[in-house]
Amino acid sequence: MSFLRVLVAVVLVGLLASCGKPPSKLRAYYGPEVTQIVVHKASRRMHLYHHDQRLRTFRVQLGGNPVGHKHREGDRRTPEGDYIIDRRNPNSAFHLSLGISYPDENDIARAEENGWKPGGDIFIHGRGPHFRRARGDWTDGCIAVSDRQMEDIYAMVRDGTPIRINP
């Protein structure tokens, strides 16, 4: 009886050990530093640059109301202008995310002049488990890519990287 228990225990330990960990969504990047991100809203493209050298290009999805600059909370627009990547979220509901420094002082002043809240929490992010089948421009003002692409972007881009979002 004790031999059978030992045998079952060894088999269970072996099965658990063979399961292993799932692959990490956090990747390493050893290439040139990303010195700027440029987004072209009209063509739905985001380019990562090392100075004048384009490193990667990604097709993106934008806010559900993609034409024009974000003016206020709830307008579902993606901001336009010059910002910086100012934070990282490895535990994002959208797989991984990089924060964009919207709103800046000008955005806040423009919103206050009109009696609006400027909104915030604008990110470059993946899809996460709830938006895998989303099509078209579906975010509330963020810039979205696939989860796999977001893993590469997250590895390549550092906090403080400038981002220019063009119309």
N, C-alpha and C. Protein backbone atom coordinates (compact mmCIF):
# COMPACT_ATOMS: atom_id res chain seq x y z
N MET A 1 0.82 -1.20 0.00
CA MET A 1 0.00 0.00 0.00
C MET A 1 0.87 1.26 0.00
N SER A 2 1.93 1.31 0.81
CA SER A 2 2.78 2.49 0.85
C SER A 2 3.57 2.64 -0.45
N PHE A 3 3.93 1.52 -1.09
CA PHE A 3 4.61 1.61 -2.39
C PHE A 3 3.69 2.28 -3.42
N LEU A 4 2.43 1.95 -3.40
CA LEU A 4 1.46 2.54 -4.33
C LEU A 4 1.32 4.04 -4.08
N ARG A 5 1.29 4.46 -2.82
CA ARG A 5 1.20 5.88 -2.49
C ARG A 5 2.43 6.62 -2.98
N VAL A 6 3.60 6.05 -2.79
CA VAL A 6 4.85 6.68 -3.25
C VAL A 6 4.84 6.79 -4.77
N LEU A 7 4.41 5.75 -5.44
CA LEU A 7 4.35 5.74 -6.90
C LEU A 7 3.38 6.82 -7.40
N VAL A 8 2.22 6.94 -6.80
CA VAL A 8 1.24 7.96 -7.19
C VAL A 8 1.81 9.36 -6.94
N ALA A 9 2.48 9.54 -5.81
CA ALA A 9 3.07 10.84 -5.50
C ALA A 9 4.14 11.22 -6.52
N VAL A 10 4.98 10.27 -6.90
CA VAL A 10 6.04 10.53 -7.88
C VAL A 10 5.42 10.88 -9.23
N VAL A 11 4.38 10.17 -9.63
CA VAL A 11 3.72 10.45 -10.90
C VAL A 11 3.09 11.85 -10.87
N LEU A 12 2.45 12.20 -9.78
CA LEU A 12 1.83 13.53 -9.67
C LEU A 12 2.87 14.63 -9.72
N VAL A 13 3.97 14.46 -9.00
CA VAL A 13 5.05 15.46 -9.03
C VAL A 13 5.59 15.58 -10.45
N GLY A 14 5.78 14.48 -11.12
CA GLY A 14 6.26 14.50 -12.51
C GLY A 14 5.32 15.23 -13.44
N LEU A 15 4.03 14.98 -13.28
CA LEU A 15 3.04 15.66 -14.12
C LEU A 15 3.04 17.17 -13.87
N LEU A 16 3.09 17.57 -12.61
CA LEU A 16 3.11 18.99 -12.28
C LEU A 16 4.38 19.66 -12.81
N ALA A 17 5.50 19.00 -12.69
CA ALA A 17 6.76 19.56 -13.17
C ALA A 17 6.76 19.71 -14.69
N SER A 18 6.08 18.83 -15.40
CA SER A 18 6.07 18.89 -16.86
C SER A 18 5.18 20.01 -17.38
N CYS A 19 4.29 20.51 -16.54
CA CYS A 19 3.40 21.59 -16.99
C CYS A 19 4.18 22.87 -17.24
N GLY A 20 5.12 23.18 -16.39
CA GLY A 20 5.95 24.37 -16.56
C GLY A 20 5.15 25.65 -16.47
N LYS A 21 5.85 26.76 -16.62
CA LYS A 21 5.22 28.07 -16.59
C LYS A 21 4.79 28.47 -18.00
N PRO A 22 3.73 29.25 -18.11
CA PRO A 22 3.39 29.77 -19.43
C PRO A 22 4.47 30.76 -19.86
N PRO A 23 4.64 30.97 -21.16
CA PRO A 23 5.66 31.93 -21.60
C PRO A 23 5.34 33.32 -21.08
N SER A 24 6.37 34.08 -20.73
CA SER A 24 6.19 35.42 -20.19
C SER A 24 5.80 36.39 -21.29
N LYS A 25 4.93 37.33 -20.95
CA LYS A 25 4.58 38.37 -21.90
C LYS A 25 5.62 39.49 -21.91
N LEU A 26 6.53 39.46 -20.94
CA LEU A 26 7.59 40.46 -20.88
C LEU A 26 8.81 39.93 -21.64
N ARG A 27 9.15 40.61 -22.70
CA ARG A 27 10.24 40.19 -23.58
C ARG A 27 11.46 41.07 -23.37
N ALA A 28 12.60 40.59 -23.84
CA ALA A 28 13.84 41.37 -23.82
C ALA A 28 14.05 41.98 -25.20
N TYR A 29 14.68 43.13 -25.23
CA TYR A 29 15.03 43.80 -26.48
C TYR A 29 16.46 44.29 -26.38
N TYR A 30 17.26 43.96 -27.37
CA TYR A 30 18.68 44.32 -27.36
C TYR A 30 19.07 45.17 -28.57
N GLY A 31 18.09 45.68 -29.28
CA GLY A 31 18.37 46.48 -30.47
C GLY A 31 18.61 47.94 -30.14
N PRO A 32 18.63 48.77 -31.18
CA PRO A 32 18.85 50.21 -30.98
C PRO A 32 17.74 50.83 -30.14
N GLU A 33 18.09 51.86 -29.40
CA GLU A 33 17.13 52.56 -28.55
C GLU A 33 16.04 53.21 -29.40
N VAL A 34 14.80 53.08 -28.95
CA VAL A 34 13.71 53.81 -29.60
C VAL A 34 13.76 55.24 -29.08
N THR A 35 14.02 56.19 -30.00
CA THR A 35 14.16 57.59 -29.60
C THR A 35 12.91 58.41 -29.88
N GLN A 36 11.98 57.85 -30.67
CA GLN A 36 10.73 58.55 -30.95
C GLN A 36 9.70 57.58 -31.51
N ILE A 37 8.45 57.85 -31.16
CA ILE A 37 7.30 57.14 -31.72
C ILE A 37 6.52 58.16 -32.53
N VAL A 38 6.12 57.79 -33.75
CA VAL A 38 5.29 58.67 -34.57
C VAL A 38 4.05 57.88 -34.99
N VAL A 39 2.89 58.44 -34.70
CA VAL A 39 1.61 57.84 -35.07
C VAL A 39 0.97 58.71 -36.14
N HIS A 40 0.50 58.08 -37.21
CA HIS A 40 -0.26 58.76 -38.25
C HIS A 40 -1.69 58.21 -38.18
N LYS A 41 -2.58 59.01 -37.60
CA LYS A 41 -3.95 58.54 -37.39
C LYS A 41 -4.64 58.22 -38.71
N ALA A 42 -4.47 59.04 -39.74
CA ALA A 42 -5.18 58.85 -41.00
C ALA A 42 -4.83 57.50 -41.64
N SER A 43 -3.57 57.09 -41.56
CA SER A 43 -3.17 55.82 -42.18
C SER A 43 -3.17 54.66 -41.19
N ARG A 44 -3.50 54.95 -39.92
CA ARG A 44 -3.54 53.92 -38.86
C ARG A 44 -2.20 53.20 -38.75
N ARG A 45 -1.11 53.99 -38.71
CA ARG A 45 0.24 53.43 -38.61
C ARG A 45 0.99 54.08 -37.45
N MET A 46 1.79 53.27 -36.77
CA MET A 46 2.67 53.75 -35.73
C MET A 46 4.08 53.28 -36.06
N HIS A 47 5.03 54.21 -36.06
CA HIS A 47 6.42 53.92 -36.39
C HIS A 47 7.29 54.14 -35.15
N LEU A 48 8.20 53.23 -34.91
CA LEU A 48 9.21 53.38 -33.85
C LEU A 48 10.53 53.71 -34.53
N TYR A 49 11.17 54.79 -34.07
CA TYR A 49 12.41 55.26 -34.69
C TYR A 49 13.58 55.23 -33.71
N HIS A 50 14.75 55.00 -34.26
CA HIS A 50 16.03 55.28 -33.60
C HIS A 50 16.62 56.44 -34.39
N HIS A 51 16.46 57.63 -33.88
CA HIS A 51 16.82 58.87 -34.59
C HIS A 51 16.09 58.87 -35.94
N ASP A 52 16.80 58.84 -37.07
CA ASP A 52 16.15 58.86 -38.39
C ASP A 52 15.86 57.48 -38.96
N GLN A 53 16.27 56.44 -38.26
CA GLN A 53 16.11 55.07 -38.75
C GLN A 53 14.80 54.48 -38.24
N ARG A 54 13.92 54.08 -39.14
CA ARG A 54 12.67 53.44 -38.74
C ARG A 54 12.98 52.00 -38.35
N LEU A 55 12.63 51.64 -37.11
CA LEU A 55 12.88 50.30 -36.61
C LEU A 55 11.73 49.35 -36.88
N ARG A 56 10.52 49.79 -36.63
CA ARG A 56 9.33 48.94 -36.79
C ARG A 56 8.14 49.81 -37.13
N THR A 57 7.18 49.21 -37.81
CA THR A 57 5.91 49.86 -38.13
C THR A 57 4.80 48.91 -37.71
N PHE A 58 3.75 49.48 -37.11
CA PHE A 58 2.61 48.69 -36.65
C PHE A 58 1.32 49.30 -37.17
N ARG A 59 0.38 48.47 -37.56
CA ARG A 59 -0.98 48.93 -37.88
C ARG A 59 -1.69 49.10 -36.54
N VAL A 60 -2.42 50.20 -36.37
CA VAL A 60 -3.06 50.51 -35.09
C VAL A 60 -4.56 50.72 -35.27
N GLN A 61 -5.25 50.60 -34.16
CA GLN A 61 -6.65 50.98 -34.07
C GLN A 61 -6.73 52.12 -33.06
N LEU A 62 -7.66 53.01 -33.28
CA LEU A 62 -7.74 54.25 -32.50
C LEU A 62 -9.06 54.35 -31.75
N GLY A 63 -9.30 55.54 -31.22
CA GLY A 63 -10.56 55.82 -30.56
C GLY A 63 -11.71 55.69 -31.54
N GLY A 64 -12.88 55.39 -31.03
CA GLY A 64 -14.07 55.18 -31.85
C GLY A 64 -14.51 56.40 -32.64
N ASN A 65 -13.98 57.57 -32.33
CA ASN A 65 -14.25 58.81 -33.05
C ASN A 65 -12.89 59.39 -33.45
N PRO A 66 -12.22 58.80 -34.48
CA PRO A 66 -10.80 59.05 -34.70
C PRO A 66 -10.42 60.39 -35.33
N VAL A 67 -11.37 61.13 -35.89
CA VAL A 67 -11.01 62.37 -36.58
C VAL A 67 -10.98 63.52 -35.59
N GLY A 68 -9.86 64.23 -35.56
CA GLY A 68 -9.71 65.40 -34.70
C GLY A 68 -9.02 65.07 -33.39
N HIS A 69 -8.58 66.13 -32.73
CA HIS A 69 -7.86 66.05 -31.46
C HIS A 69 -8.84 65.78 -30.30
N LYS A 70 -8.37 65.07 -29.31
CA LYS A 70 -9.16 64.84 -28.10
C LYS A 70 -9.33 66.16 -27.36
N HIS A 71 -10.56 66.51 -27.03
CA HIS A 71 -10.83 67.76 -26.31
C HIS A 71 -11.36 67.53 -24.91
N ARG A 72 -12.08 66.43 -24.74
CA ARG A 72 -12.72 66.24 -23.44
C ARG A 72 -12.97 64.76 -23.16
N GLU A 73 -13.20 64.50 -21.90
CA GLU A 73 -13.51 63.15 -21.44
C GLU A 73 -14.75 62.63 -22.17
N GLY A 74 -14.65 61.40 -22.64
CA GLY A 74 -15.80 60.76 -23.26
C GLY A 74 -15.99 61.03 -24.74
N ASP A 75 -15.11 61.83 -25.37
CA ASP A 75 -15.31 62.11 -26.80
C ASP A 75 -14.78 61.00 -27.70
N ARG A 76 -14.13 59.98 -27.12
CA ARG A 76 -13.61 58.81 -27.82
C ARG A 76 -12.61 59.15 -28.91
N ARG A 77 -11.93 60.29 -28.76
CA ARG A 77 -10.91 60.69 -29.73
C ARG A 77 -9.52 60.39 -29.19
N THR A 78 -8.62 60.09 -30.10
CA THR A 78 -7.21 59.91 -29.77
C THR A 78 -6.55 61.28 -29.88
N PRO A 79 -5.78 61.69 -28.85
CA PRO A 79 -5.17 63.03 -28.91
C PRO A 79 -4.22 63.18 -30.10
N GLU A 80 -3.94 64.42 -30.45
CA GLU A 80 -2.96 64.75 -31.47
C GLU A 80 -1.96 65.72 -30.86
N GLY A 81 -0.71 65.58 -31.23
CA GLY A 81 0.32 66.48 -30.72
C GLY A 81 1.51 65.71 -30.18
N ASP A 82 2.33 66.44 -29.43
CA ASP A 82 3.56 65.88 -28.88
C ASP A 82 3.40 65.58 -27.40
N TYR A 83 3.68 64.34 -27.04
CA TYR A 83 3.56 63.87 -25.67
C TYR A 83 4.78 62.99 -25.36
N ILE A 84 4.78 62.37 -24.20
CA ILE A 84 5.84 61.41 -23.87
C ILE A 84 5.21 60.14 -23.29
N ILE A 85 5.95 59.06 -23.36
CA ILE A 85 5.55 57.83 -22.67
C ILE A 85 5.93 58.04 -21.22
N ASP A 86 4.94 58.03 -20.33
CA ASP A 86 5.20 58.42 -18.94
C ASP A 86 4.94 57.33 -17.90
N ARG A 87 4.48 56.15 -18.32
CA ARG A 87 4.26 55.09 -17.34
C ARG A 87 4.05 53.76 -18.06
N ARG A 88 4.19 52.68 -17.31
CA ARG A 88 4.05 51.32 -17.84
C ARG A 88 3.10 50.54 -16.96
N ASN A 89 2.31 49.66 -17.57
CA ASN A 89 1.43 48.80 -16.78
C ASN A 89 1.56 47.36 -17.28
N PRO A 90 2.35 46.54 -16.56
CA PRO A 90 2.49 45.15 -16.96
C PRO A 90 1.26 44.31 -16.62
N ASN A 91 0.35 44.86 -15.83
CA ASN A 91 -0.85 44.13 -15.42
C ASN A 91 -2.12 44.74 -16.01
N SER A 92 -2.01 45.34 -17.16
CA SER A 92 -3.13 46.01 -17.80
C SER A 92 -4.23 45.02 -18.18
N ALA A 93 -5.46 45.48 -18.11
CA ALA A 93 -6.60 44.69 -18.61
C ALA A 93 -6.49 44.51 -20.12
N PHE A 94 -5.61 45.30 -20.76
CA PHE A 94 -5.39 45.23 -22.20
C PHE A 94 -4.03 44.60 -22.50
N HIS A 95 -3.67 43.57 -21.74
CA HIS A 95 -2.45 42.78 -21.88
C HIS A 95 -1.25 43.52 -21.30
N LEU A 96 -0.74 44.52 -21.98
CA LEU A 96 0.32 45.40 -21.51
C LEU A 96 -0.04 46.80 -21.99
N SER A 97 0.46 47.83 -21.30
CA SER A 97 0.16 49.18 -21.79
C SER A 97 1.26 50.16 -21.41
N LEU A 98 1.40 51.18 -22.27
CA LEU A 98 2.33 52.28 -22.07
C LEU A 98 1.52 53.57 -22.03
N GLY A 99 1.66 54.33 -20.95
CA GLY A 99 0.90 55.56 -20.77
C GLY A 99 1.44 56.71 -21.60
N ILE A 100 0.52 57.50 -22.12
CA ILE A 100 0.84 58.71 -22.88
C ILE A 100 0.49 59.90 -22.00
N SER A 101 1.33 60.92 -22.00
CA SER A 101 1.22 62.04 -21.05
C SER A 101 0.06 63.01 -21.34
N TYR A 102 -0.97 62.57 -22.03
CA TYR A 102 -2.18 63.38 -22.20
C TYR A 102 -2.97 63.33 -20.91
N PRO A 103 -3.51 64.45 -20.43
CA PRO A 103 -3.49 65.80 -20.98
C PRO A 103 -2.26 66.58 -20.51
N ASP A 104 -1.78 67.47 -21.39
CA ASP A 104 -0.72 68.38 -20.97
C ASP A 104 -1.37 69.70 -20.54
N GLU A 105 -0.56 70.70 -20.23
CA GLU A 105 -1.11 71.98 -19.72
C GLU A 105 -2.05 72.62 -20.74
N ASN A 106 -1.70 72.55 -22.03
CA ASN A 106 -2.55 73.15 -23.07
C ASN A 106 -3.89 72.43 -23.17
N ASP A 107 -3.86 71.10 -23.08
CA ASP A 107 -5.12 70.33 -23.13
C ASP A 107 -6.01 70.67 -21.94
N ILE A 108 -5.40 70.80 -20.78
CA ILE A 108 -6.16 71.12 -19.56
C ILE A 108 -6.76 72.52 -19.67
N ALA A 109 -5.96 73.49 -20.13
CA ALA A 109 -6.45 74.87 -20.26
C ALA A 109 -7.60 74.94 -21.27
N ARG A 110 -7.47 74.25 -22.41
CA ARG A 110 -8.52 74.27 -23.44
C ARG A 110 -9.82 73.67 -22.89
N ALA A 111 -9.70 72.58 -22.16
CA ALA A 111 -10.89 71.95 -21.58
C ALA A 111 -11.53 72.86 -20.54
N GLU A 112 -10.71 73.46 -19.68
CA GLU A 112 -11.26 74.35 -18.64
C GLU A 112 -11.97 75.56 -19.24
N GLU A 113 -11.41 76.11 -20.33
CA GLU A 113 -12.06 77.26 -21.00
C GLU A 113 -13.47 76.91 -21.46
N ASN A 114 -13.68 75.66 -21.81
CA ASN A 114 -14.98 75.22 -22.30
C ASN A 114 -15.84 74.55 -21.24
N GLY A 115 -15.34 74.48 -20.01
CA GLY A 115 -16.10 73.86 -18.94
C GLY A 115 -16.13 72.34 -19.00
N TRP A 116 -15.13 71.75 -19.64
CA TRP A 116 -15.06 70.30 -19.80
C TRP A 116 -13.99 69.71 -18.90
N LYS A 117 -14.06 68.41 -18.70
CA LYS A 117 -12.95 67.64 -18.13
C LYS A 117 -12.13 67.15 -19.31
N PRO A 118 -10.79 67.26 -19.26
CA PRO A 118 -9.99 66.88 -20.42
C PRO A 118 -9.91 65.37 -20.67
N GLY A 119 -10.25 64.58 -19.68
CA GLY A 119 -10.08 63.13 -19.83
C GLY A 119 -8.64 62.75 -19.53
N GLY A 120 -8.32 61.51 -19.68
CA GLY A 120 -6.97 61.03 -19.40
C GLY A 120 -6.89 59.54 -19.61
N ASP A 121 -5.89 58.94 -19.01
CA ASP A 121 -5.66 57.49 -19.15
C ASP A 121 -5.60 57.07 -20.61
N ILE A 122 -4.80 57.77 -21.38
CA ILE A 122 -4.58 57.42 -22.78
C ILE A 122 -3.32 56.56 -22.85
N PHE A 123 -3.43 55.41 -23.51
CA PHE A 123 -2.35 54.43 -23.55
C PHE A 123 -2.15 53.89 -24.96
N ILE A 124 -0.97 53.33 -25.19
CA ILE A 124 -0.75 52.36 -26.25
C ILE A 124 -0.95 51.03 -25.56
N HIS A 125 -1.82 50.18 -26.09
CA HIS A 125 -2.08 48.91 -25.40
C HIS A 125 -2.45 47.80 -26.37
N GLY A 126 -2.47 46.58 -25.83
CA GLY A 126 -2.90 45.42 -26.59
C GLY A 126 -4.42 45.29 -26.53
N ARG A 127 -4.89 44.08 -26.76
CA ARG A 127 -6.33 43.83 -26.75
C ARG A 127 -6.80 43.22 -25.44
N GLY A 128 -5.98 42.38 -24.85
CA GLY A 128 -6.41 41.69 -23.64
C GLY A 128 -7.49 40.67 -23.95
N PRO A 129 -7.97 39.99 -22.94
CA PRO A 129 -8.91 38.90 -23.18
C PRO A 129 -10.31 39.34 -23.61
N HIS A 130 -10.69 40.58 -23.33
CA HIS A 130 -12.06 41.01 -23.61
C HIS A 130 -12.27 41.64 -24.98
N PHE A 131 -11.17 41.99 -25.67
CA PHE A 131 -11.31 42.70 -26.94
C PHE A 131 -10.56 42.00 -28.08
N ARG A 132 -10.40 40.70 -27.98
CA ARG A 132 -9.67 39.93 -29.00
C ARG A 132 -10.32 40.04 -30.37
N ARG A 133 -11.62 40.17 -30.44
CA ARG A 133 -12.33 40.19 -31.72
C ARG A 133 -12.75 41.60 -32.15
N ALA A 134 -12.30 42.61 -31.43
CA ALA A 134 -12.67 43.99 -31.77
C ALA A 134 -12.16 44.34 -33.17
N ARG A 135 -12.98 45.04 -33.93
CA ARG A 135 -12.63 45.45 -35.28
C ARG A 135 -12.79 46.96 -35.41
N GLY A 136 -12.05 47.54 -36.35
CA GLY A 136 -12.16 48.98 -36.58
C GLY A 136 -11.59 49.76 -35.41
N ASP A 137 -11.96 51.01 -35.31
CA ASP A 137 -11.51 51.88 -34.23
C ASP A 137 -12.45 51.69 -33.04
N TRP A 138 -11.96 51.07 -32.00
CA TRP A 138 -12.83 50.62 -30.91
C TRP A 138 -12.47 51.17 -29.54
N THR A 139 -11.32 51.84 -29.40
CA THR A 139 -10.91 52.27 -28.06
C THR A 139 -11.63 53.55 -27.67
N ASP A 140 -11.43 53.97 -26.43
CA ASP A 140 -12.01 55.23 -25.96
C ASP A 140 -11.07 56.41 -26.17
N GLY A 141 -10.04 56.22 -27.01
CA GLY A 141 -9.07 57.28 -27.31
C GLY A 141 -7.64 56.78 -27.29
N CYS A 142 -7.46 55.52 -26.98
CA CYS A 142 -6.12 54.93 -26.93
C CYS A 142 -5.67 54.47 -28.31
N ILE A 143 -4.45 53.96 -28.36
CA ILE A 143 -3.86 53.39 -29.56
C ILE A 143 -3.69 51.91 -29.29
N ALA A 144 -4.34 51.06 -30.08
CA ALA A 144 -4.35 49.62 -29.82
C ALA A 144 -3.63 48.85 -30.92
N VAL A 145 -2.94 47.79 -30.49
CA VAL A 145 -2.27 46.84 -31.38
C VAL A 145 -2.59 45.44 -30.87
N SER A 146 -2.11 44.42 -31.56
CA SER A 146 -2.32 43.05 -31.08
C SER A 146 -1.49 42.82 -29.81
N ASP A 147 -1.85 41.83 -29.03
CA ASP A 147 -1.11 41.52 -27.81
C ASP A 147 0.35 41.18 -28.13
N ARG A 148 0.59 40.40 -29.17
CA ARG A 148 1.96 40.03 -29.53
C ARG A 148 2.77 41.25 -29.93
N GLN A 149 2.17 42.15 -30.71
CA GLN A 149 2.85 43.39 -31.08
C GLN A 149 3.13 44.24 -29.84
N MET A 150 2.17 44.27 -28.90
CA MET A 150 2.36 45.06 -27.69
C MET A 150 3.52 44.53 -26.87
N GLU A 151 3.74 43.24 -26.87
CA GLU A 151 4.89 42.67 -26.15
C GLU A 151 6.19 43.22 -26.72
N ASP A 152 6.28 43.32 -28.05
CA ASP A 152 7.48 43.89 -28.68
C ASP A 152 7.62 45.37 -28.36
N ILE A 153 6.55 46.12 -28.49
CA ILE A 153 6.57 47.56 -28.22
C ILE A 153 6.96 47.82 -26.77
N TYR A 154 6.37 47.08 -25.85
CA TYR A 154 6.64 47.24 -24.42
C TYR A 154 8.12 47.00 -24.13
N ALA A 155 8.72 46.02 -24.81
CA ALA A 155 10.14 45.72 -24.61
C ALA A 155 11.03 46.81 -25.21
N MET A 156 10.60 47.40 -26.31
CA MET A 156 11.44 48.35 -27.04
C MET A 156 11.40 49.77 -26.50
N VAL A 157 10.26 50.19 -26.00
CA VAL A 157 10.04 51.60 -25.64
C VAL A 157 10.26 51.81 -24.15
N ARG A 158 10.99 52.86 -23.81
CA ARG A 158 11.26 53.22 -22.42
C ARG A 158 10.44 54.43 -22.00
N ASP A 159 10.23 54.56 -20.71
CA ASP A 159 9.59 55.77 -20.18
C ASP A 159 10.43 56.98 -20.60
N GLY A 160 9.76 58.08 -20.93
CA GLY A 160 10.44 59.28 -21.38
C GLY A 160 10.58 59.38 -22.89
N THR A 161 10.19 58.34 -23.62
CA THR A 161 10.28 58.38 -25.09
C THR A 161 9.23 59.34 -25.63
N PRO A 162 9.63 60.28 -26.50
CA PRO A 162 8.65 61.18 -27.10
C PRO A 162 7.74 60.45 -28.07
N ILE A 163 6.49 60.87 -28.10
CA ILE A 163 5.52 60.34 -29.07
C ILE A 163 4.82 61.52 -29.74
N ARG A 164 4.81 61.50 -31.06
CA ARG A 164 4.10 62.52 -31.84
C ARG A 164 2.91 61.82 -32.50
N ILE A 165 1.72 62.36 -32.25
CA ILE A 165 0.50 61.80 -32.84
C ILE A 165 -0.01 62.81 -33.85
N ASN A 166 0.08 62.42 -35.12
CA ASN A 166 -0.35 63.29 -36.23
C ASN A 166 -1.78 62.96 -36.64
N PRO A 167 -2.49 63.97 -37.20
CA PRO A 167 -3.86 63.73 -37.68
C PRO A 167 -3.93 62.61 -38.71
